[in-house]
Amino acid sequence: MTTFPAQLWTLTQSRTITAKTHLVLQALASFQGHRGLFPSHESIAARSGASVRTVIRALETAYRLGIVERTRQRRRVSGRICNGVNRYRLIVKPLEQARAAAAHLKQQLLDALARRKQQFLSKCQNGTGTYFQSNLFNAEPLSAAGMSHNDLISWCESIGYRGST
């Protein structure tokens, strides 16, 4: 079984991750202790010599590749639920990596769909705060002339056209 540093080295050599990402993930791994792995972004940035934004990008890459798994912690402060520290888990086994990468991609897809739905609903909202019924799916089919079937029939009757028999 390979170790996490060996895995990072392989990913760096294959140019799957950048050197900065490699440094950030090494710094993350150095926080491993008997109670777990839960450093802040600022702590990882200080230990790796990178900016906080670079740490966030590197961690996103690691989640996407499935080599790091994040568990978000919530805590109650004065009756409100606030974000707590993130707990990280370094993943070495290929099957677990695939599972973690799939879970991350699923969550990204769900978040993107929720944002898309919100954008759609905000565009469909009129000034009164209610949503209008879309005529997209209930509309009558249009003819080549751009009229509905019933309108085309009534127009033909108005000009005296009876059709061929």
N, C-alpha and C. Protein backbone atom coordinates (compact mmCIF):
# COMPACT_ATOMS: atom_id res chain seq x y z
N MET A 1 0.85 -1.18 0.00
CA MET A 1 0.00 0.00 0.00
C MET A 1 0.90 1.24 0.00
N THR A 2 0.50 2.22 -0.79
CA THR A 2 1.29 3.44 -0.88
C THR A 2 0.95 4.38 0.26
N THR A 3 1.85 5.26 0.54
CA THR A 3 1.63 6.26 1.58
C THR A 3 1.13 7.55 0.93
N PHE A 4 0.61 8.45 1.75
CA PHE A 4 0.10 9.71 1.23
C PHE A 4 1.20 10.55 0.58
N PRO A 5 2.39 10.70 1.20
CA PRO A 5 3.46 11.46 0.53
C PRO A 5 3.88 10.85 -0.81
N ALA A 6 3.92 9.52 -0.90
CA ALA A 6 4.26 8.87 -2.17
C ALA A 6 3.19 9.14 -3.22
N GLN A 7 1.96 9.14 -2.78
CA GLN A 7 0.86 9.43 -3.69
C GLN A 7 0.94 10.87 -4.20
N LEU A 8 1.27 11.81 -3.31
CA LEU A 8 1.43 13.21 -3.73
C LEU A 8 2.55 13.34 -4.74
N TRP A 9 3.66 12.64 -4.49
CA TRP A 9 4.78 12.70 -5.41
C TRP A 9 4.39 12.18 -6.80
N THR A 10 3.66 11.09 -6.83
CA THR A 10 3.21 10.52 -8.11
C THR A 10 2.30 11.50 -8.84
N LEU A 11 1.38 12.13 -8.13
CA LEU A 11 0.47 13.09 -8.75
C LEU A 11 1.21 14.33 -9.25
N THR A 12 2.26 14.74 -8.53
CA THR A 12 3.04 15.90 -8.96
C THR A 12 3.85 15.55 -10.21
N GLN A 13 4.46 14.38 -10.23
CA GLN A 13 5.26 13.98 -11.38
C GLN A 13 4.40 13.77 -12.64
N SER A 14 3.18 13.33 -12.46
CA SER A 14 2.29 13.15 -13.61
C SER A 14 1.59 14.46 -13.99
N ARG A 15 1.91 15.53 -13.31
CA ARG A 15 1.37 16.88 -13.54
C ARG A 15 -0.14 16.95 -13.33
N THR A 16 -0.64 16.09 -12.48
CA THR A 16 -2.05 16.14 -12.11
C THR A 16 -2.29 17.26 -11.11
N ILE A 17 -1.32 17.49 -10.23
CA ILE A 17 -1.38 18.60 -9.28
C ILE A 17 -0.14 19.46 -9.45
N THR A 18 -0.25 20.72 -9.06
CA THR A 18 0.88 21.64 -9.17
C THR A 18 1.80 21.50 -7.95
N ALA A 19 2.95 22.12 -8.03
CA ALA A 19 3.90 22.08 -6.91
C ALA A 19 3.33 22.77 -5.68
N LYS A 20 2.60 23.87 -5.88
CA LYS A 20 1.98 24.57 -4.75
C LYS A 20 0.93 23.68 -4.06
N THR A 21 0.14 22.99 -4.87
CA THR A 21 -0.84 22.07 -4.31
C THR A 21 -0.14 20.97 -3.52
N HIS A 22 0.96 20.47 -4.06
CA HIS A 22 1.75 19.46 -3.36
C HIS A 22 2.21 19.98 -2.00
N LEU A 23 2.73 21.19 -1.95
CA LEU A 23 3.19 21.78 -0.68
C LEU A 23 2.03 21.94 0.32
N VAL A 24 0.90 22.40 -0.19
CA VAL A 24 -0.25 22.61 0.69
C VAL A 24 -0.72 21.27 1.27
N LEU A 25 -0.79 20.24 0.44
CA LEU A 25 -1.25 18.94 0.93
C LEU A 25 -0.24 18.29 1.86
N GLN A 26 1.05 18.54 1.63
CA GLN A 26 2.05 18.06 2.58
C GLN A 26 1.88 18.76 3.93
N ALA A 27 1.61 20.06 3.89
CA ALA A 27 1.39 20.80 5.13
C ALA A 27 0.15 20.28 5.84
N LEU A 28 -0.90 19.97 5.09
CA LEU A 28 -2.11 19.40 5.69
C LEU A 28 -1.79 18.07 6.37
N ALA A 29 -1.03 17.23 5.70
CA ALA A 29 -0.69 15.92 6.26
C ALA A 29 0.16 16.05 7.52
N SER A 30 0.93 17.13 7.63
CA SER A 30 1.79 17.29 8.80
C SER A 30 1.00 17.61 10.07
N PHE A 31 -0.27 17.97 9.94
CA PHE A 31 -1.10 18.25 11.11
C PHE A 31 -1.71 16.99 11.70
N GLN A 32 -1.50 15.84 11.08
CA GLN A 32 -2.10 14.58 11.55
C GLN A 32 -1.67 14.30 12.99
N GLY A 33 -2.64 14.07 13.84
CA GLY A 33 -2.37 13.77 15.23
C GLY A 33 -3.27 12.66 15.71
N HIS A 34 -3.19 12.34 16.98
CA HIS A 34 -3.98 11.24 17.51
C HIS A 34 -5.47 11.59 17.60
N ARG A 35 -5.82 12.87 17.64
CA ARG A 35 -7.21 13.29 17.71
C ARG A 35 -7.83 13.52 16.34
N GLY A 36 -7.03 13.46 15.30
CA GLY A 36 -7.56 13.68 13.95
C GLY A 36 -6.81 14.78 13.23
N LEU A 37 -7.45 15.28 12.22
CA LEU A 37 -6.83 16.26 11.33
C LEU A 37 -7.85 17.38 11.11
N PHE A 38 -7.65 18.54 11.75
CA PHE A 38 -8.60 19.63 11.61
C PHE A 38 -7.96 21.01 11.72
N PRO A 39 -6.94 21.30 10.90
CA PRO A 39 -6.36 22.65 10.93
C PRO A 39 -7.22 23.65 10.17
N SER A 40 -7.04 24.92 10.46
CA SER A 40 -7.75 25.96 9.72
C SER A 40 -6.99 26.26 8.43
N HIS A 41 -7.66 26.95 7.53
CA HIS A 41 -7.00 27.34 6.28
C HIS A 41 -5.79 28.23 6.56
N GLU A 42 -5.92 29.09 7.55
CA GLU A 42 -4.82 29.99 7.89
C GLU A 42 -3.61 29.22 8.42
N SER A 43 -3.86 28.18 9.21
CA SER A 43 -2.76 27.36 9.74
C SER A 43 -2.04 26.61 8.62
N ILE A 44 -2.81 26.08 7.69
CA ILE A 44 -2.20 25.37 6.56
C ILE A 44 -1.40 26.35 5.71
N ALA A 45 -1.94 27.55 5.49
CA ALA A 45 -1.25 28.56 4.70
C ALA A 45 0.07 28.97 5.35
N ALA A 46 0.06 29.14 6.67
CA ALA A 46 1.28 29.53 7.37
C ALA A 46 2.34 28.43 7.29
N ARG A 47 1.93 27.18 7.41
CA ARG A 47 2.89 26.09 7.38
C ARG A 47 3.41 25.82 5.96
N SER A 48 2.60 26.06 4.94
CA SER A 48 3.03 25.77 3.57
C SER A 48 3.66 26.97 2.88
N GLY A 49 3.48 28.16 3.42
CA GLY A 49 4.03 29.36 2.78
C GLY A 49 3.19 29.84 1.61
N ALA A 50 1.93 29.43 1.56
CA ALA A 50 1.03 29.83 0.47
C ALA A 50 -0.04 30.76 1.03
N SER A 51 -0.80 31.37 0.15
CA SER A 51 -1.89 32.22 0.60
C SER A 51 -3.10 31.34 0.96
N VAL A 52 -4.05 31.93 1.65
CA VAL A 52 -5.24 31.21 2.07
C VAL A 52 -6.04 30.79 0.83
N ARG A 53 -6.10 31.66 -0.17
CA ARG A 53 -6.83 31.33 -1.40
C ARG A 53 -6.18 30.14 -2.11
N THR A 54 -4.84 30.07 -2.12
CA THR A 54 -4.15 28.92 -2.71
C THR A 54 -4.46 27.65 -1.94
N VAL A 55 -4.56 27.75 -0.63
CA VAL A 55 -4.91 26.58 0.20
C VAL A 55 -6.31 26.09 -0.17
N ILE A 56 -7.25 27.01 -0.33
CA ILE A 56 -8.62 26.63 -0.68
C ILE A 56 -8.65 25.96 -2.05
N ARG A 57 -7.92 26.51 -3.02
CA ARG A 57 -7.85 25.91 -4.36
C ARG A 57 -7.23 24.52 -4.31
N ALA A 58 -6.15 24.38 -3.54
CA ALA A 58 -5.48 23.08 -3.43
C ALA A 58 -6.39 22.05 -2.78
N LEU A 59 -7.13 22.45 -1.76
CA LEU A 59 -8.05 21.52 -1.12
C LEU A 59 -9.19 21.13 -2.05
N GLU A 60 -9.68 22.07 -2.85
CA GLU A 60 -10.71 21.74 -3.84
C GLU A 60 -10.19 20.72 -4.83
N THR A 61 -8.95 20.87 -5.26
CA THR A 61 -8.34 19.90 -6.18
C THR A 61 -8.24 18.54 -5.51
N ALA A 62 -7.85 18.52 -4.24
CA ALA A 62 -7.73 17.26 -3.51
C ALA A 62 -9.09 16.59 -3.33
N TYR A 63 -10.14 17.38 -3.08
CA TYR A 63 -11.48 16.80 -2.97
C TYR A 63 -11.90 16.20 -4.30
N ARG A 64 -11.64 16.93 -5.38
CA ARG A 64 -12.02 16.47 -6.72
C ARG A 64 -11.31 15.17 -7.07
N LEU A 65 -10.03 15.06 -6.70
CA LEU A 65 -9.27 13.84 -6.98
C LEU A 65 -9.60 12.70 -6.02
N GLY A 66 -10.22 13.04 -4.91
CA GLY A 66 -10.61 12.00 -3.96
C GLY A 66 -9.50 11.59 -3.01
N ILE A 67 -8.46 12.42 -2.85
CA ILE A 67 -7.37 12.05 -1.95
C ILE A 67 -7.54 12.66 -0.57
N VAL A 68 -8.46 13.62 -0.44
CA VAL A 68 -8.78 14.21 0.87
C VAL A 68 -10.29 14.28 0.97
N GLU A 69 -10.79 13.94 2.14
CA GLU A 69 -12.22 14.02 2.40
C GLU A 69 -12.45 15.02 3.52
N ARG A 70 -13.46 15.88 3.34
CA ARG A 70 -13.76 16.91 4.33
C ARG A 70 -15.10 16.61 4.97
N THR A 71 -15.15 16.79 6.28
CA THR A 71 -16.41 16.72 7.02
C THR A 71 -16.60 18.07 7.69
N ARG A 72 -17.66 18.73 7.33
CA ARG A 72 -17.95 20.05 7.92
C ARG A 72 -18.61 19.87 9.28
N GLN A 73 -18.16 20.62 10.23
CA GLN A 73 -18.69 20.57 11.58
C GLN A 73 -19.60 21.78 11.82
N ARG A 74 -20.68 21.58 12.51
CA ARG A 74 -21.59 22.67 12.88
C ARG A 74 -21.62 22.72 14.41
N ARG A 75 -21.78 23.93 14.95
CA ARG A 75 -21.89 24.07 16.40
C ARG A 75 -22.91 25.16 16.71
N ARG A 76 -23.47 25.05 17.87
CA ARG A 76 -24.48 26.01 18.30
C ARG A 76 -23.81 27.04 19.20
N VAL A 77 -23.96 28.31 18.81
CA VAL A 77 -23.40 29.41 19.59
C VAL A 77 -24.52 30.41 19.84
N SER A 78 -24.87 30.62 21.09
CA SER A 78 -25.93 31.55 21.49
C SER A 78 -27.23 31.29 20.76
N GLY A 79 -27.58 30.02 20.59
CA GLY A 79 -28.83 29.66 19.94
C GLY A 79 -28.78 29.63 18.43
N ARG A 80 -27.65 30.03 17.85
CA ARG A 80 -27.51 30.01 16.39
C ARG A 80 -26.55 28.91 15.98
N ILE A 81 -26.79 28.33 14.82
CA ILE A 81 -25.89 27.29 14.31
C ILE A 81 -24.84 27.96 13.44
N CYS A 82 -23.56 27.74 13.79
CA CYS A 82 -22.45 28.35 13.07
C CYS A 82 -21.54 27.25 12.52
N ASN A 83 -20.74 27.63 11.54
CA ASN A 83 -19.76 26.69 11.01
C ASN A 83 -18.65 26.49 12.02
N GLY A 84 -18.27 25.25 12.23
CA GLY A 84 -17.15 24.93 13.10
C GLY A 84 -15.93 24.60 12.26
N VAL A 85 -15.03 23.86 12.84
CA VAL A 85 -13.81 23.49 12.11
C VAL A 85 -14.13 22.36 11.14
N ASN A 86 -13.38 22.32 10.05
CA ASN A 86 -13.48 21.21 9.10
C ASN A 86 -12.59 20.08 9.58
N ARG A 87 -13.05 18.87 9.48
CA ARG A 87 -12.22 17.70 9.75
C ARG A 87 -11.84 17.10 8.42
N TYR A 88 -10.58 16.75 8.30
CA TYR A 88 -10.06 16.19 7.05
C TYR A 88 -9.64 14.75 7.28
N ARG A 89 -9.70 13.97 6.21
CA ARG A 89 -9.22 12.59 6.24
C ARG A 89 -8.44 12.36 4.96
N LEU A 90 -7.20 11.89 5.11
CA LEU A 90 -6.34 11.59 3.97
C LEU A 90 -6.69 10.20 3.48
N ILE A 91 -6.92 10.06 2.18
CA ILE A 91 -7.37 8.79 1.62
C ILE A 91 -6.26 8.23 0.73
N VAL A 92 -5.91 6.97 0.95
CA VAL A 92 -4.84 6.33 0.18
C VAL A 92 -5.38 5.21 -0.70
N LYS A 93 -6.41 4.50 -0.26
CA LYS A 93 -6.93 3.36 -1.01
C LYS A 93 -7.70 3.84 -2.25
N PRO A 94 -7.45 3.23 -3.42
CA PRO A 94 -8.09 3.68 -4.66
C PRO A 94 -9.62 3.62 -4.63
N LEU A 95 -10.19 2.58 -4.04
CA LEU A 95 -11.64 2.48 -3.99
C LEU A 95 -12.25 3.60 -3.14
N GLU A 96 -11.63 3.88 -2.02
CA GLU A 96 -12.10 4.98 -1.17
C GLU A 96 -11.94 6.31 -1.87
N GLN A 97 -10.85 6.47 -2.65
CA GLN A 97 -10.64 7.71 -3.39
C GLN A 97 -11.74 7.92 -4.42
N ALA A 98 -12.10 6.87 -5.13
CA ALA A 98 -13.16 6.98 -6.13
C ALA A 98 -14.49 7.33 -5.46
N ARG A 99 -14.75 6.72 -4.32
CA ARG A 99 -15.99 7.00 -3.58
C ARG A 99 -16.02 8.45 -3.10
N ALA A 100 -14.90 8.94 -2.57
CA ALA A 100 -14.84 10.31 -2.08
C ALA A 100 -14.96 11.32 -3.22
N ALA A 101 -14.30 11.02 -4.36
CA ALA A 101 -14.39 11.92 -5.51
C ALA A 101 -15.83 11.97 -6.04
N ALA A 102 -16.50 10.83 -6.08
CA ALA A 102 -17.89 10.79 -6.55
C ALA A 102 -18.81 11.56 -5.61
N ALA A 103 -18.59 11.43 -4.31
CA ALA A 103 -19.42 12.16 -3.34
C ALA A 103 -19.21 13.66 -3.49
N HIS A 104 -17.97 14.08 -3.71
CA HIS A 104 -17.68 15.51 -3.89
C HIS A 104 -18.35 16.03 -5.16
N LEU A 105 -18.23 15.30 -6.25
CA LEU A 105 -18.84 15.73 -7.51
C LEU A 105 -20.36 15.76 -7.41
N LYS A 106 -20.93 14.81 -6.68
CA LYS A 106 -22.38 14.80 -6.48
C LYS A 106 -22.81 16.07 -5.73
N GLN A 107 -22.08 16.42 -4.70
CA GLN A 107 -22.43 17.62 -3.93
C GLN A 107 -22.28 18.88 -4.77
N GLN A 108 -21.23 18.94 -5.60
CA GLN A 108 -21.05 20.09 -6.49
C GLN A 108 -22.21 20.19 -7.47
N LEU A 109 -22.65 19.06 -8.01
CA LEU A 109 -23.76 19.04 -8.95
C LEU A 109 -25.05 19.49 -8.28
N LEU A 110 -25.31 19.02 -7.07
CA LEU A 110 -26.51 19.43 -6.35
C LEU A 110 -26.49 20.93 -6.05
N ASP A 111 -25.33 21.46 -5.67
CA ASP A 111 -25.20 22.89 -5.41
C ASP A 111 -25.44 23.69 -6.69
N ALA A 112 -24.87 23.23 -7.80
CA ALA A 112 -25.05 23.93 -9.08
C ALA A 112 -26.51 23.91 -9.52
N LEU A 113 -27.19 22.77 -9.33
CA LEU A 113 -28.60 22.68 -9.69
C LEU A 113 -29.45 23.60 -8.82
N ALA A 114 -29.12 23.70 -7.55
CA ALA A 114 -29.87 24.58 -6.66
C ALA A 114 -29.68 26.04 -7.08
N ARG A 115 -28.44 26.41 -7.44
CA ARG A 115 -28.20 27.79 -7.91
C ARG A 115 -28.95 28.05 -9.21
N ARG A 116 -28.95 27.07 -10.13
CA ARG A 116 -29.64 27.22 -11.41
C ARG A 116 -31.13 27.37 -11.21
N LYS A 117 -31.70 26.59 -10.28
CA LYS A 117 -33.12 26.68 -9.99
C LYS A 117 -33.47 28.05 -9.42
N GLN A 118 -32.62 28.56 -8.54
CA GLN A 118 -32.85 29.86 -7.95
C GLN A 118 -32.80 30.96 -9.01
N GLN A 119 -31.84 30.87 -9.94
CA GLN A 119 -31.75 31.84 -11.03
C GLN A 119 -33.00 31.78 -11.90
N PHE A 120 -33.46 30.56 -12.21
CA PHE A 120 -34.65 30.40 -13.05
C PHE A 120 -35.87 31.00 -12.36
N LEU A 121 -36.03 30.70 -11.06
CA LEU A 121 -37.19 31.22 -10.35
C LEU A 121 -37.15 32.73 -10.23
N SER A 122 -35.96 33.31 -10.08
CA SER A 122 -35.87 34.76 -9.99
C SER A 122 -36.20 35.42 -11.33
N LYS A 123 -35.93 34.74 -12.45
CA LYS A 123 -36.28 35.28 -13.76
C LYS A 123 -37.77 35.13 -14.04
N CYS A 124 -38.40 34.11 -13.46
CA CYS A 124 -39.83 33.86 -13.69
C CYS A 124 -40.73 34.69 -12.80
N GLN A 125 -40.17 35.40 -11.88
CA GLN A 125 -40.98 36.13 -10.91
C GLN A 125 -41.41 37.46 -11.50
N ASN A 126 -42.70 37.78 -11.39
CA ASN A 126 -43.14 39.09 -11.86
C ASN A 126 -43.17 40.06 -10.70
N GLY A 127 -43.64 41.26 -10.91
CA GLY A 127 -43.57 42.31 -9.89
C GLY A 127 -44.39 42.06 -8.66
N THR A 128 -45.43 41.22 -8.71
CA THR A 128 -46.28 41.00 -7.55
C THR A 128 -45.74 39.95 -6.60
N GLY A 129 -44.69 39.26 -7.00
CA GLY A 129 -44.13 38.25 -6.13
C GLY A 129 -44.67 36.86 -6.40
N THR A 130 -45.60 36.76 -7.37
CA THR A 130 -46.11 35.43 -7.72
C THR A 130 -45.49 34.99 -9.04
N TYR A 131 -45.51 33.71 -9.27
CA TYR A 131 -44.90 33.17 -10.48
C TYR A 131 -45.99 32.97 -11.53
N PHE A 132 -45.69 33.38 -12.76
CA PHE A 132 -46.66 33.18 -13.81
C PHE A 132 -46.52 31.77 -14.38
N GLN A 133 -47.63 31.28 -14.92
CA GLN A 133 -47.64 29.93 -15.48
C GLN A 133 -46.95 29.97 -16.84
N SER A 134 -45.95 29.15 -17.01
CA SER A 134 -45.23 29.11 -18.27
C SER A 134 -46.10 28.45 -19.33
N ASN A 135 -46.16 29.05 -20.49
CA ASN A 135 -46.93 28.52 -21.59
C ASN A 135 -46.07 27.63 -22.47
N LEU A 136 -44.87 27.34 -22.02
CA LEU A 136 -43.91 26.59 -22.83
C LEU A 136 -44.40 25.17 -23.10
N PHE A 137 -44.95 24.50 -22.11
CA PHE A 137 -45.34 23.10 -22.26
C PHE A 137 -46.81 22.93 -22.60
N ASN A 138 -47.64 23.95 -22.34
CA ASN A 138 -49.07 23.84 -22.57
C ASN A 138 -49.51 24.49 -23.88
N ALA A 139 -48.61 25.04 -24.62
CA ALA A 139 -48.97 25.77 -25.84
C ALA A 139 -49.41 24.80 -26.93
N GLU A 140 -50.29 25.30 -27.78
CA GLU A 140 -50.72 24.51 -28.93
C GLU A 140 -49.57 24.48 -29.93
N PRO A 141 -49.45 23.41 -30.69
CA PRO A 141 -48.41 23.38 -31.70
C PRO A 141 -48.68 24.42 -32.78
N LEU A 142 -47.63 25.05 -33.27
CA LEU A 142 -47.77 26.08 -34.29
C LEU A 142 -47.56 25.49 -35.67
N SER A 143 -48.28 26.06 -36.64
CA SER A 143 -48.10 25.62 -38.02
C SER A 143 -46.92 26.37 -38.63
N ALA A 144 -46.66 26.10 -39.89
CA ALA A 144 -45.57 26.78 -40.58
C ALA A 144 -45.84 28.27 -40.69
N ALA A 145 -47.09 28.66 -40.68
CA ALA A 145 -47.44 30.08 -40.78
C ALA A 145 -47.29 30.80 -39.44
N GLY A 146 -47.00 30.05 -38.39
CA GLY A 146 -46.83 30.66 -37.08
C GLY A 146 -48.14 30.78 -36.32
N MET A 147 -49.19 30.13 -36.81
CA MET A 147 -50.50 30.17 -36.14
C MET A 147 -50.76 28.82 -35.48
N SER A 148 -51.59 28.84 -34.46
CA SER A 148 -52.00 27.58 -33.87
C SER A 148 -52.94 26.87 -34.84
N HIS A 149 -53.19 25.63 -34.61
CA HIS A 149 -54.04 24.83 -35.51
C HIS A 149 -55.44 25.43 -35.61
N ASN A 150 -56.02 25.80 -34.48
CA ASN A 150 -57.38 26.37 -34.47
C ASN A 150 -57.42 27.71 -35.19
N ASP A 151 -56.38 28.55 -34.98
CA ASP A 151 -56.33 29.84 -35.67
C ASP A 151 -56.22 29.65 -37.18
N LEU A 152 -55.43 28.66 -37.60
CA LEU A 152 -55.25 28.39 -39.02
C LEU A 152 -56.56 27.92 -39.66
N ILE A 153 -57.32 27.07 -38.95
CA ILE A 153 -58.60 26.60 -39.46
C ILE A 153 -59.59 27.75 -39.60
N SER A 154 -59.66 28.59 -38.57
CA SER A 154 -60.59 29.73 -38.64
C SER A 154 -60.18 30.70 -39.75
N TRP A 155 -58.90 30.89 -39.98
CA TRP A 155 -58.45 31.77 -41.07
C TRP A 155 -58.84 31.18 -42.42
N CYS A 156 -58.64 29.85 -42.57
CA CYS A 156 -59.02 29.19 -43.83
C CYS A 156 -60.52 29.32 -44.09
N GLU A 157 -61.34 29.18 -43.05
CA GLU A 157 -62.78 29.32 -43.20
C GLU A 157 -63.16 30.75 -43.58
N SER A 158 -62.40 31.73 -43.01
CA SER A 158 -62.72 33.13 -43.31
C SER A 158 -62.43 33.50 -44.76
N ILE A 159 -61.47 32.85 -45.39
CA ILE A 159 -61.19 33.16 -46.79
C ILE A 159 -61.92 32.22 -47.73
N GLY A 160 -62.68 31.28 -47.20
CA GLY A 160 -63.49 30.38 -48.02
C GLY A 160 -62.75 29.15 -48.52
N TYR A 161 -61.61 28.84 -47.96
CA TYR A 161 -60.87 27.65 -48.39
C TYR A 161 -61.46 26.41 -47.73
N ARG A 162 -61.77 25.40 -48.56
CA ARG A 162 -62.37 24.18 -48.03
C ARG A 162 -61.40 23.01 -47.99
N GLY A 163 -60.26 23.09 -48.61
CA GLY A 163 -59.29 22.00 -48.63
C GLY A 163 -59.60 21.01 -49.71
N SER A 164 -58.68 20.12 -49.99
CA SER A 164 -58.88 19.14 -51.04
C SER A 164 -59.57 17.91 -50.49
N THR A 165 -60.44 17.30 -51.31
CA THR A 165 -61.15 16.10 -50.87
C THR A 165 -60.77 14.92 -51.67
